N, C-alpha and C. Protein backbone atom coordinates (compact mmCIF):
# COMPACT_ATOMS: atom_id res chain seq x y z
N UNK A 1 46.29 -2.59 -1.46
CA UNK A 1 45.76 -2.20 0.11
C UNK A 1 43.78 -2.43 0.02
N UNK A 2 43.51 -0.90 -0.18
CA UNK A 2 41.99 -0.65 -0.64
C UNK A 2 41.50 -2.40 -1.23
N UNK A 3 41.30 -3.61 -1.00
CA UNK A 3 40.54 -3.73 -2.29
C UNK A 3 39.38 -3.79 -2.51
N UNK A 4 38.52 -3.14 -2.41
CA UNK A 4 37.16 -3.35 -2.25
C UNK A 4 35.94 -1.95 -2.44
N UNK A 5 34.78 -2.12 -2.27
CA UNK A 5 34.13 -0.93 -2.02
C UNK A 5 33.76 -0.81 -1.08
N UNK A 6 33.81 -1.39 0.88
CA UNK A 6 33.63 -1.28 1.31
C UNK A 6 34.88 -0.59 2.51
N UNK A 7 36.05 -1.31 1.42
CA UNK A 7 37.00 -0.73 2.23
C UNK A 7 37.28 0.54 1.31
N UNK A 8 37.17 0.84 0.58
CA UNK A 8 37.04 1.94 -0.04
C UNK A 8 36.48 2.93 1.15
N UNK A 9 35.02 3.12 0.88
CA UNK A 9 33.82 3.65 1.47
C UNK A 9 33.93 3.62 2.89
N UNK A 10 34.37 3.15 3.92
CA UNK A 10 34.96 2.86 4.94
C UNK A 10 35.67 3.80 5.26
N UNK A 11 36.55 3.79 4.23
CA UNK A 11 38.08 4.49 4.51
C UNK A 11 37.44 6.30 4.27
N UNK A 12 37.42 6.39 3.18
CA UNK A 12 36.62 8.13 3.20
C UNK A 12 35.30 8.46 3.56
N UNK A 13 35.24 7.48 4.19
CA UNK A 13 33.66 8.30 5.58
C UNK A 13 34.76 8.75 6.58
N UNK A 14 35.81 7.63 7.71
CA UNK A 14 36.73 8.28 8.52
C UNK A 14 37.36 9.74 7.86
N UNK A 15 37.50 9.88 6.72
CA UNK A 15 38.95 11.25 6.00
C UNK A 15 38.23 12.21 5.22
N UNK A 16 36.96 12.11 6.01
CA UNK A 16 36.50 12.95 4.53
C UNK A 16 35.72 12.50 3.21
N UNK A 17 36.38 13.36 1.69
CA UNK A 17 35.73 12.14 0.90
C UNK A 17 36.96 11.94 -0.17
N UNK A 18 37.15 11.36 -1.68
CA UNK A 18 38.11 10.74 -2.55
C UNK A 18 38.59 11.74 -2.38
N UNK A 19 39.61 12.19 -3.16
CA UNK A 19 41.06 12.96 -3.95
C UNK A 19 41.19 12.67 -5.06
N UNK A 20 41.06 13.66 -6.02
CA UNK A 20 41.32 13.95 -7.44
C UNK A 20 42.02 13.18 -7.38
N UNK A 21 42.72 11.78 -9.10
CA UNK A 21 43.69 11.47 -9.31
C UNK A 21 44.83 12.08 -9.87
N UNK A 22 46.49 11.45 -8.81
CA UNK A 22 47.68 12.74 -9.64
C UNK A 22 48.02 11.44 -10.67
N UNK A 23 48.60 12.74 -11.52
CA UNK A 23 49.20 11.51 -12.37
C UNK A 23 50.00 9.79 -12.09
N UNK A 24 49.23 8.65 -12.82
CA UNK A 24 49.73 7.54 -13.08
C UNK A 24 51.41 7.84 -12.76
N UNK A 25 52.19 7.16 -12.23
CA UNK A 25 53.45 7.20 -12.13
C UNK A 25 54.23 5.74 -12.14
N UNK A 26 55.36 5.81 -13.85
CA UNK A 26 55.81 4.00 -13.63
C UNK A 26 56.52 3.24 -12.25
N UNK A 27 56.72 2.45 -12.41
CA UNK A 27 56.72 2.03 -11.23
C UNK A 27 58.37 1.85 -10.70
N UNK A 28 58.74 2.17 -12.45
CA UNK A 28 60.36 2.27 -11.75
C UNK A 28 61.06 4.03 -11.14
N UNK A 29 59.80 5.12 -11.57
CA UNK A 29 60.18 5.61 -10.44
C UNK A 29 59.50 6.48 -9.55
N UNK A 30 58.53 5.58 -9.44
CA UNK A 30 58.24 5.10 -7.99
C UNK A 30 59.05 4.57 -6.91
N UNK A 31 59.80 3.50 -7.27
CA UNK A 31 61.29 2.71 -6.64
C UNK A 31 62.03 3.47 -6.01
N UNK A 32 62.59 4.45 -7.57
CA UNK A 32 63.50 5.51 -7.72
C UNK A 32 62.88 6.09 -6.11
N UNK A 33 61.65 7.07 -6.50
CA UNK A 33 61.98 7.60 -5.52
C UNK A 33 61.03 7.58 -4.12
N UNK A 34 61.42 6.34 -3.99
CA UNK A 34 61.18 6.00 -2.46
C UNK A 34 61.99 5.49 -1.64
N UNK A 35 63.02 4.61 -2.40
CA UNK A 35 64.76 5.06 -2.74
C UNK A 35 65.41 5.88 -2.50
N UNK A 36 65.93 7.28 -2.41
CA UNK A 36 65.70 8.57 -2.38
C UNK A 36 65.84 8.29 -0.96
N UNK A 37 64.11 8.23 -0.67
CA UNK A 37 63.74 8.57 0.69
C UNK A 37 64.22 7.28 2.05
N UNK A 38 64.27 6.74 1.10
CA UNK A 38 64.59 5.52 2.69
C UNK A 38 65.71 5.90 2.80
N UNK A 39 66.83 5.94 1.88
CA UNK A 39 68.40 6.12 2.49
C UNK A 39 68.64 7.70 2.60
N UNK A 40 67.82 8.96 2.34
CA UNK A 40 68.56 9.99 2.62
C UNK A 40 67.35 10.56 3.69
N UNK A 41 66.17 9.33 4.53
CA UNK A 41 65.84 9.86 5.18
C UNK A 41 64.21 10.90 4.78
N UNK A 42 64.08 11.61 4.16
CA UNK A 42 62.82 12.41 3.22
C UNK A 42 61.42 11.90 3.41
N UNK A 43 61.13 12.74 3.85
CA UNK A 43 59.47 12.42 3.92
C UNK A 43 59.23 12.29 2.03
N UNK A 44 57.65 11.07 2.51
CA UNK A 44 56.81 11.39 1.16
C UNK A 44 55.72 11.10 1.26
N UNK A 45 54.73 11.84 -0.18
CA UNK A 45 53.35 12.12 0.32
C UNK A 45 53.11 10.60 -0.91
N UNK A 46 52.34 9.47 -0.70
CA UNK A 46 52.22 8.38 -1.64
C UNK A 46 50.40 8.72 -1.54
N UNK A 47 50.38 8.58 -2.89
CA UNK A 47 48.40 8.17 -3.45
C UNK A 47 48.30 6.46 -3.66
N UNK A 48 47.60 6.31 -2.95
CA UNK A 48 47.41 5.12 -3.23
C UNK A 48 46.19 4.22 -4.12
N UNK A 49 46.09 2.49 -4.57
CA UNK A 49 44.86 2.26 -5.52
C UNK A 49 44.71 2.61 -6.96
N UNK A 50 43.84 1.93 -6.62
CA UNK A 50 42.59 2.39 -8.00
C UNK A 50 42.17 3.16 -8.55
N UNK A 51 41.57 3.87 -9.01
CA UNK A 51 40.73 4.55 -9.09
C UNK A 51 39.83 4.42 -9.21
N UNK A 52 38.45 4.77 -7.89
CA UNK A 52 36.79 4.26 -7.52
C UNK A 52 36.81 5.50 -8.17
N UNK A 53 35.54 5.09 -8.49
CA UNK A 53 34.56 6.81 -9.27
C UNK A 53 35.98 8.19 -10.00
N UNK A 54 36.35 7.83 -10.38
CA UNK A 54 37.84 8.80 -11.15
C UNK A 54 38.60 9.12 -10.05
N UNK A 55 38.38 8.85 -8.44
CA UNK A 55 39.72 9.42 -7.51
C UNK A 55 40.05 8.52 -6.36
N UNK A 56 41.02 8.88 -5.58
CA UNK A 56 41.73 8.12 -5.03
C UNK A 56 41.76 7.98 -3.86
N UNK A 57 41.63 7.45 -2.66
CA UNK A 57 42.04 7.66 -0.98
C UNK A 57 42.22 8.87 -1.26
N UNK A 58 42.58 9.56 0.57
CA UNK A 58 43.65 10.76 0.68
C UNK A 58 44.75 10.32 0.48
N UNK A 59 45.41 10.75 0.88
CA UNK A 59 47.27 10.19 0.56
C UNK A 59 47.51 10.43 2.15
N UNK A 60 48.69 9.60 2.18
CA UNK A 60 49.60 9.29 2.82
C UNK A 60 51.17 9.21 3.20
N UNK A 61 51.21 10.35 4.30
CA UNK A 61 52.46 10.69 4.48
C UNK A 61 53.01 11.14 5.45
N UNK A 62 54.41 10.15 5.47
CA UNK A 62 55.63 10.02 6.43
C UNK A 62 57.14 9.56 5.76
N UNK A 63 57.93 8.77 6.38
CA UNK A 63 59.27 8.49 6.11
C UNK A 63 59.30 6.95 6.48
N UNK A 64 59.81 6.68 5.02
CA UNK A 64 60.06 5.22 4.82
C UNK A 64 61.61 4.50 5.56
N UNK A 65 60.51 3.89 6.54
CA UNK A 65 61.32 2.72 7.17
C UNK A 65 61.93 1.54 7.42
N UNK A 66 61.66 0.92 6.00
CA UNK A 66 62.10 -0.29 5.30
C UNK A 66 61.06 -0.71 4.51
N UNK A 67 61.74 -2.14 4.06
CA UNK A 67 60.71 -2.33 3.22
C UNK A 67 61.13 -3.66 2.88
N UNK A 68 60.32 -5.06 2.33
CA UNK A 68 60.27 -6.46 2.33
C UNK A 68 59.41 -7.23 1.57
N UNK A 69 60.25 -8.03 0.53
CA UNK A 69 59.10 -8.29 -0.52
C UNK A 69 58.45 -7.31 -1.64
N UNK A 70 56.87 -7.39 -0.97
CA UNK A 70 56.52 -6.11 -2.39
C UNK A 70 55.99 -4.52 -1.26
N UNK A 71 56.20 -5.04 -0.08
CA UNK A 71 56.18 -4.18 1.17
C UNK A 71 56.33 -2.90 1.51
N UNK A 72 56.06 -1.98 1.58
CA UNK A 72 57.04 -0.42 1.70
C UNK A 72 56.22 -0.45 2.85
N UNK A 73 56.52 0.30 3.79
CA UNK A 73 56.66 0.65 5.36
C UNK A 73 57.63 1.97 5.30
N UNK A 74 56.40 2.62 6.24
CA UNK A 74 56.12 4.07 6.27
C UNK A 74 55.59 4.13 7.58
N UNK A 75 56.49 5.51 8.33
CA UNK A 75 55.94 5.90 9.67
C UNK A 75 55.75 7.30 9.42
N UNK A 76 53.83 6.77 9.73
CA UNK A 76 52.86 8.25 9.56
C UNK A 76 53.04 9.97 11.06
N UNK A 77 52.40 10.45 10.49
CA UNK A 77 52.87 11.17 11.19
C UNK A 77 52.38 11.05 12.31
N UNK A 78 51.81 10.30 13.58
CA UNK A 78 50.93 9.60 14.90
C UNK A 78 52.13 9.40 15.02
N UNK A 79 53.02 9.21 14.91
CA UNK A 79 54.15 7.58 14.41
C UNK A 79 53.56 5.74 14.33
N UNK A 80 52.45 5.52 14.44
CA UNK A 80 52.51 4.27 13.91
C UNK A 80 52.73 3.80 12.57
N UNK A 81 52.67 2.69 12.00
CA UNK A 81 53.82 2.62 10.52
C UNK A 81 52.87 1.84 10.01
N UNK A 82 52.50 1.86 8.85
CA UNK A 82 52.49 1.60 7.35
C UNK A 82 51.71 0.81 6.53
N UNK A 83 51.58 -0.51 6.24
CA UNK A 83 52.07 -1.17 5.12
C UNK A 83 51.82 -0.96 4.65
N UNK A 84 51.41 -0.74 2.93
CA UNK A 84 51.80 -0.58 1.55
C UNK A 84 51.75 -1.92 0.91
N UNK A 85 51.46 -2.25 -0.09
CA UNK A 85 51.60 -3.20 -0.79
C UNK A 85 52.38 -2.21 -2.32
N UNK A 86 53.90 -1.92 -2.39
CA UNK A 86 53.91 -2.12 -3.77
C UNK A 86 54.12 -1.73 -4.95
N UNK A 87 52.50 -2.27 -5.60
CA UNK A 87 52.19 -2.55 -6.69
C UNK A 87 50.99 -1.29 -6.30
N UNK A 88 50.23 -1.75 -5.05
CA UNK A 88 48.82 -0.03 -5.20
C UNK A 88 49.21 0.98 -5.12
N UNK A 89 50.94 1.30 -5.45
CA UNK A 89 51.39 2.87 -5.23
C UNK A 89 51.19 3.48 -7.11
N UNK A 90 50.28 4.60 -6.42
CA UNK A 90 49.31 4.81 -8.19
C UNK A 90 50.96 6.18 -7.94
N UNK A 91 51.19 6.81 -7.08
CA UNK A 91 51.66 7.72 -7.07
C UNK A 91 52.57 8.54 -5.84
N UNK A 92 54.08 8.43 -5.59
CA UNK A 92 55.21 9.13 -4.78
C UNK A 92 55.75 10.50 -5.42
N UNK A 93 56.21 10.94 -4.27
CA UNK A 93 56.28 12.23 -3.92
C UNK A 93 56.73 13.31 -2.51
N UNK A 94 58.66 12.63 -2.75
CA UNK A 94 59.10 13.82 -1.89
C UNK A 94 58.17 14.74 -1.34
N UNK A 95 58.13 15.29 -0.14
CA UNK A 95 57.99 16.37 0.82
C UNK A 95 58.70 17.47 1.56
N UNK A 96 57.78 18.54 1.16
CA UNK A 96 58.65 19.38 2.12
C UNK A 96 59.03 18.96 3.42
N UNK A 97 59.39 18.67 4.38
CA UNK A 97 59.81 18.24 6.43
C UNK A 97 58.88 19.09 6.98
N UNK A 98 59.50 20.64 6.27
CA UNK A 98 58.97 21.40 6.96
C UNK A 98 57.06 22.12 7.71
N UNK A 99 56.66 21.71 6.24
CA UNK A 99 55.07 21.02 6.05
C UNK A 99 54.31 19.80 6.76
N UNK A 100 55.29 19.00 6.22
CA UNK A 100 54.41 17.51 6.99
C UNK A 100 54.17 18.44 8.63
N UNK A 101 55.64 18.25 9.01
CA UNK A 101 55.66 18.86 10.23
C UNK A 101 54.69 19.40 11.03
N UNK A 102 54.83 20.56 10.13
CA UNK A 102 53.17 21.90 10.78
C UNK A 102 52.46 21.09 10.66
N UNK A 103 51.96 20.02 10.17
CA UNK A 103 50.52 19.97 9.79
C UNK A 103 50.14 19.42 10.82
N UNK A 104 48.68 19.20 11.36
CA UNK A 104 47.55 18.77 13.18
C UNK A 104 47.36 17.20 12.18
């Protein structure tokens, strides 16, 4: 998704600073979590990319609204749709919906 250094630095300058990597998950764990979120309308937090200088880009939070081929589609808080290449996902977790909607 963010495949080169310029994309990384642009994203970091927009969002603040990079975050510490969460534990890398197996693809099976990622797939199972995304499938659960999609089937049960749960909210996820996704960390993408490969580490850059021992850090990753900020998490993406949203609801899984679909998948096609190797792409996962999330509806993020502002209503936009975010497409993520499944191979770029480093870590995914279910998020408490009360916390997600409360975030500005």
